Amino acid sequence: MARSRTVTSHTPRAPSPPTRPKVPRRVREQQMLEVAERAFAARGFHAASVDAIAEGAGISKPMVYAYFGSKEGLYRACMGRARERLFETLRQGADGGAAPDEQLWLGLLAFFTFVEEQRDSWAVLLGEVTAGTGPFAPEGAEVRREIAGLVGELLRGAAEGEGLEPAALDMIQPLARALIGAGESLAVWWGEHPDEPAERVALVLMNFAWNGLGGLVRGRAWSPGGRERG
């Protein structure tokens, strides 16, 4: 007598969904900062939405808070990133072998190159929200002090190269702060006249710093490589 076989049917398993590769924290953080910087530059700190930033970065809103703690923490991280970019641009533009006045010129040109090429970073780092008495004013003031310190060194080198009396060098740092304020205002003006090239805008500030209004009225002008004319 033949034995009967028990046939066991096997239901085919559905294929597992492909797993997404895990994005390294550093990469994810930079993605969030890119989106956040654009949002803050376009809308300002208060109007920019964390929900929109999270959606733009392809993540959840809780993940933003997990990385940065708060909206304020996210903005400060954007400021830190923008600061690194600014000083990297300034370092790349420096030339220690140039004449003192040329070094000042290269510093101003690098500053306006940053404003031109990294406009969102500029708006986040030195925009209205970082001035006055707002929550980001201390960070903004520190960045301005750092820039003024660097510009002060360039001014001092240029002044000493021209034989300025040592007693007059005490005015270098206040002049550097005044020059930074003028540079910020000029950058705002530039935003309203975007067709002007960076070199021309930087040259306006260089001549104002080097010759002053009186020199410009008398037709004296400074130009790269040509030094002072008039």
Protein backbone atom coordinates (compact mmCIF):
# COMPACT_ATOMS: atom_id res chain seq x y z
CA MET A 1 0.00 0.00 0.00
CA ALA A 2 1.46 3.38 -1.06
CA ARG A 3 2.08 5.95 1.58
CA SER A 4 0.42 9.31 1.13
CA ARG A 5 2.65 12.39 1.10
CA THR A 6 1.86 15.53 2.98
CA VAL A 7 2.55 18.48 0.73
CA THR A 8 3.48 21.65 2.58
CA SER A 9 2.87 24.81 0.65
CA HIS A 10 5.28 27.71 1.11
CA THR A 11 3.94 31.22 0.68
CA PRO A 12 6.62 33.31 -0.95
CA ARG A 13 7.85 36.12 1.25
CA ALA A 14 7.44 39.68 0.07
CA PRO A 15 10.78 41.28 -0.67
CA SER A 16 12.06 43.51 2.13
CA PRO A 17 11.93 47.21 1.37
CA PRO A 18 15.35 48.63 0.58
CA THR A 19 16.99 50.18 3.60
CA ARG A 20 18.11 53.74 3.29
CA PRO A 21 21.80 54.26 3.93
CA LYS A 22 22.35 56.04 7.20
CA VAL A 23 23.41 59.64 6.67
CA PRO A 24 26.41 60.57 8.84
CA ARG A 25 25.60 63.14 11.50
CA ARG A 26 28.04 65.69 10.09
CA VAL A 27 26.49 65.45 6.62
CA ARG A 28 22.95 65.66 7.97
CA GLU A 29 23.88 68.66 10.09
CA GLN A 30 25.33 70.51 7.10
CA GLN A 31 22.20 69.76 5.07
CA MET A 32 20.04 71.28 7.78
CA LEU A 33 22.28 74.34 8.04
CA GLU A 34 22.17 74.91 4.28
CA VAL A 35 18.38 74.96 4.30
CA ALA A 36 18.18 76.99 7.51
CA GLU A 37 20.62 79.61 6.27
CA ARG A 38 18.58 80.19 3.13
CA ALA A 39 15.38 80.44 5.18
CA PHE A 40 16.83 82.85 7.75
CA ALA A 41 18.42 85.03 5.06
CA ALA A 42 15.21 85.20 3.05
CA ARG A 43 12.67 85.60 5.87
CA GLY A 44 14.59 86.70 8.93
CA PHE A 45 14.89 84.82 12.21
CA HIS A 46 11.36 85.38 13.48
CA ALA A 47 9.48 84.66 10.23
CA ALA A 48 11.50 81.58 9.26
CA SER A 49 9.63 78.39 10.19
CA VAL A 50 11.33 75.38 11.76
CA ASP A 51 8.64 73.22 10.15
CA ALA A 52 9.57 74.56 6.71
CA ILE A 53 13.28 74.13 7.42
CA ALA A 54 12.73 70.52 8.48
CA GLU A 55 10.62 69.82 5.40
CA GLY A 56 13.21 71.43 3.13
CA ALA A 57 15.94 69.25 4.65
CA GLY A 58 13.81 66.11 4.32
CA ILE A 59 13.75 65.42 8.05
CA SER A 60 11.32 65.66 10.95
CA LYS A 61 10.96 68.75 13.11
CA PRO A 62 12.02 66.84 16.27
CA MET A 63 15.30 65.98 14.54
CA VAL A 64 16.08 69.69 14.18
CA TYR A 65 15.64 70.12 17.92
CA ALA A 66 17.63 66.96 18.61
CA TYR A 67 20.58 68.44 16.72
CA PHE A 68 20.40 72.09 17.75
CA GLY A 69 18.21 72.25 20.83
CA SER A 70 16.08 75.18 19.72
CA LYS A 71 15.44 77.60 16.89
CA GLU A 72 17.92 79.96 18.55
CA GLY A 73 20.49 77.17 18.66
CA LEU A 74 19.95 76.53 14.97
CA TYR A 75 20.51 80.21 14.17
CA ARG A 76 23.68 80.33 16.24
CA ALA A 77 24.97 77.26 14.40
CA CYS A 78 24.29 79.07 11.12
CA MET A 79 26.22 82.07 12.44
CA GLY A 80 29.17 79.88 13.39
CA ARG A 81 29.24 78.32 9.95
CA ALA A 82 29.03 81.72 8.26
CA ARG A 83 31.83 83.06 10.45
CA GLU A 84 34.12 80.21 9.40
CA ARG A 85 33.36 80.98 5.76
CA LEU A 86 34.06 84.69 6.20
CA PHE A 87 37.43 84.24 7.87
CA GLU A 88 38.43 81.54 5.39
CA THR A 89 37.72 84.02 2.58
CA LEU A 90 39.76 86.68 4.38
CA ARG A 91 42.66 84.26 4.87
CA GLN A 92 42.62 83.24 1.23
CA GLY A 93 42.67 86.88 0.14
CA ALA A 94 45.67 87.80 2.28
CA ASP A 95 49.15 88.28 0.83
CA GLY A 96 51.83 88.83 3.44
CA GLY A 97 54.34 89.79 0.75
CA ALA A 98 52.28 92.69 -0.58
CA ALA A 99 52.89 96.35 0.28
CA PRO A 100 51.02 97.51 3.41
CA ASP A 101 48.41 99.49 1.49
CA GLU A 102 47.91 96.56 -0.90
CA GLN A 103 47.33 94.28 2.09
CA LEU A 104 44.58 96.59 3.31
CA TRP A 105 43.08 96.60 -0.17
CA LEU A 106 43.17 92.80 -0.40
CA GLY A 107 41.43 92.54 2.97
CA LEU A 108 38.62 94.87 1.89
CA LEU A 109 38.29 93.10 -1.44
CA ALA A 110 38.06 89.72 0.30
CA PHE A 111 35.33 91.09 2.57
CA PHE A 112 33.20 92.24 -0.34
CA THR A 113 33.94 89.04 -2.25
CA PHE A 114 32.42 87.17 0.69
CA VAL A 115 29.35 89.44 0.63
CA GLU A 116 28.98 88.81 -3.11
CA GLU A 117 29.53 85.06 -3.15
CA GLN A 118 28.02 84.16 0.25
CA ARG A 119 25.13 86.61 0.50
CA ASP A 120 23.00 84.31 2.66
CA SER A 121 25.89 83.80 5.06
CA TRP A 122 26.44 87.56 5.17
CA ALA A 123 22.77 88.21 5.98
CA VAL A 124 22.79 85.66 8.80
CA LEU A 125 26.12 86.73 10.26
CA LEU A 126 25.88 90.53 10.14
CA GLY A 127 22.23 91.24 9.46
CA GLU A 128 19.93 93.37 11.61
CA VAL A 129 19.12 90.53 14.00
CA THR A 130 22.78 90.39 15.14
CA ALA A 131 22.93 94.10 15.95
CA GLY A 132 21.35 96.14 18.73
CA THR A 133 20.19 94.27 21.83
CA GLY A 134 18.57 91.18 20.33
CA PRO A 135 19.33 87.59 21.39
CA PHE A 136 22.16 87.29 18.86
CA ALA A 137 23.72 90.69 19.53
CA PRO A 138 26.59 89.28 21.66
CA GLU A 139 27.63 86.90 18.87
CA GLY A 140 27.30 89.65 16.29
CA ALA A 141 29.37 92.04 18.42
CA GLU A 142 32.09 89.40 18.82
CA VAL A 143 32.29 88.85 15.05
CA ARG A 144 32.53 92.61 14.49
CA ARG A 145 35.33 92.84 17.08
CA GLU A 146 37.21 90.06 15.32
CA ILE A 147 36.88 91.74 11.93
CA ALA A 148 37.86 95.11 13.41
CA GLY A 149 40.93 93.51 14.98
CA LEU A 150 42.00 92.12 11.64
CA VAL A 151 41.33 95.39 9.82
CA GLY A 152 43.14 97.27 12.60
CA GLU A 153 46.27 95.20 11.96
CA LEU A 154 46.07 96.00 8.26
CA LEU A 155 45.54 99.70 8.96
CA ARG A 156 48.44 99.77 11.40
CA GLY A 157 50.76 98.11 8.90
CA ALA A 158 49.72 100.54 6.18
CA ALA A 159 50.09 103.56 8.51
CA GLU A 160 53.52 102.47 9.72
CA GLY A 161 54.55 101.86 6.12
CA GLU A 162 53.68 105.47 5.33
CA GLY A 163 55.66 106.77 8.32
CA LEU A 164 52.78 107.72 10.62
CA GLU A 165 53.97 109.03 13.98
CA PRO A 166 53.70 106.41 16.79
CA ALA A 167 51.46 108.71 18.85
CA ALA A 168 48.89 108.76 16.05
CA LEU A 169 48.68 104.98 15.97
CA ASP A 170 46.42 105.09 19.04
CA MET A 171 43.59 106.05 16.70
CA ILE A 172 43.98 102.94 14.56
CA GLN A 173 41.51 100.73 16.43
CA PRO A 174 38.69 103.32 16.55
CA LEU A 175 39.27 103.91 12.84
CA ALA A 176 39.05 100.17 12.23
CA ARG A 177 35.66 100.04 13.98
CA ALA A 178 34.47 103.00 11.94
CA LEU A 179 35.65 101.31 8.77
CA ILE A 180 33.76 98.12 9.62
CA GLY A 181 30.59 100.13 10.18
CA ALA A 182 31.11 101.84 6.85
CA GLY A 183 31.72 98.46 5.20
CA GLU A 184 28.45 97.05 6.56
CA SER A 185 26.50 100.10 5.38
CA LEU A 186 28.16 99.92 1.99
CA ALA A 187 27.23 96.24 1.73
CA VAL A 188 23.58 97.15 2.41
CA TRP A 189 23.77 99.81 -0.31
CA TRP A 190 25.32 97.23 -2.61
CA GLY A 191 22.34 94.96 -2.07
CA GLU A 192 20.23 97.74 -3.59
CA HIS A 193 22.67 98.16 -6.50
CA PRO A 194 23.68 94.56 -7.26
CA ASP A 195 25.08 95.35 -10.71
CA GLU A 196 28.16 96.96 -9.18
CA PRO A 197 31.15 94.56 -9.19
CA ALA A 198 32.81 93.65 -5.90
CA GLU A 199 36.10 95.28 -6.88
CA ARG A 200 34.46 98.65 -7.54
CA VAL A 201 32.56 98.58 -4.25
CA ALA A 202 35.72 97.64 -2.35
CA LEU A 203 37.60 100.43 -4.11
CA VAL A 204 35.06 102.97 -2.84
CA LEU A 205 35.79 101.96 0.74
CA MET A 206 39.54 101.75 0.14
CA ASN A 207 39.66 105.30 -1.16
CA PHE A 208 37.47 106.53 1.68
CA ALA A 209 39.82 104.86 4.18
CA TRP A 210 43.05 105.85 2.45
CA ASN A 211 42.37 109.35 1.15
CA GLY A 212 39.20 110.43 2.94
CA LEU A 213 36.55 112.67 1.45
CA GLY A 214 38.97 115.59 1.23
CA GLY A 215 41.36 113.60 -0.90
CA LEU A 216 38.57 112.44 -3.19
CA VAL A 217 37.33 116.02 -3.61
CA ARG A 218 40.86 117.05 -4.61
CA GLY A 219 40.99 114.26 -7.18
CA ARG A 220 43.36 111.96 -5.32
CA ALA A 221 42.56 108.30 -5.95
CA TRP A 222 44.08 104.99 -4.90
CA SER A 223 44.08 102.07 -7.33
CA PRO A 224 45.42 98.48 -7.07
CA GLY A 225 48.99 98.29 -8.26
CA GLY A 226 49.02 101.98 -9.10
CA ARG A 227 48.85 103.18 -5.51
CA GLU A 228 47.79 106.80 -5.17
CA ARG A 229 47.03 109.02 -8.12
CA GLY A 230 46.33 112.74 -8.26
